[in-house]
Amino acid sequence: MPRYAALLARTVRPYALHLSLLVYTPALLFVDGTTDGVEPQIALGLLTFGVLWAASRRVESARRWEVWLCVPLATLFEVFGSLIWGGYTYELRNIPLYVPPGHALVYVFGITAAGLPVVRRHGRALRRLVMVAASGWVVAGLTVLPFLTGRLDVQGAIVWPLLAWCVLRSGKGDMFAAIWLAVATIEIAGTWAGDWVWAASAPWSHLPSGNPPSAIAAGYAVIDGSVALLAPLVLAVALRARATLVAAPARGVDSPSLRSSLVETYAPRT
């Protein structure tokens, strides 16, 4: 028996981070849903920043700063999505402190997924499996779920093509497939706990929407994809600024070296 326990531990160890996050986020959202006032949200936010710091240590050092770039960027998207657009509303009509670092945890979940043994061996099959599940949810939102929830989910169907492109065609399919899994867990847990609710009719477009919309992971993919797109640009600016400070102005920057660094770090992995 101890031998089997040791074998199980070795098998599960590479997935410890992802399994922990899949447990942590629903537990966090349950606690928020069962407490009142902003004080518990502040405590949960501080805790989530601590969890984010610990999780970021599992990201390769050259990309660790991207995790923290995700926090302010996600905050901007949240301000737009909730406070300006009004597509969803949090229980206290604010943006809970745990939400920005929570987005960054989703980013960690996504960018580290490619290193998992099962993804390295069966990445293409897993991406297709994710799209089968996501497509099934979209179809259910248009057929079965309206009878159970009282909501027709057209908004989820509208953003499905973007999710499909991200998972199957973007060159970062493993990341986006993992993001779909994390987002499905978060959105189901958060709406079930009453932490936020999606508008029955989407503002501006007036499209009927589920709670949550079925393919809303596409929205998270936009946030995390924006981080992935901005990261090499921000890094290039930072490296050029650093080179300007340490090198003589006439000597400039070693552009081939800069390009090599960026390609090595950010080239899509298939």
Foldseek 3Di string as FASTA:
>chain_A
DVVVVVVVCVQCVLVVLVVVLLVVQLVLLLVVLVDDDQVSLVVSLVVLVVVLVVLLVVPPPVCSVLLVVLLVLVVVVCCCCPVNQNQKAFPVRDQRSNVSSNLSSLLSQQVCQCVRPVCVVCVVVLLVVLLVVLVVLLVCLQPPVCVVPVFRAPVLVVCSVLLNCCQPPPLSNSSLSSSSVSVVSNQVSNVVSRRMFGDCAGPPVRHGRDSDRSNCSSVSCVSSVVSLVCVLVVVLVVQQVVCPVPDPVVVGDPVVVSVVVSCVVRPRDD
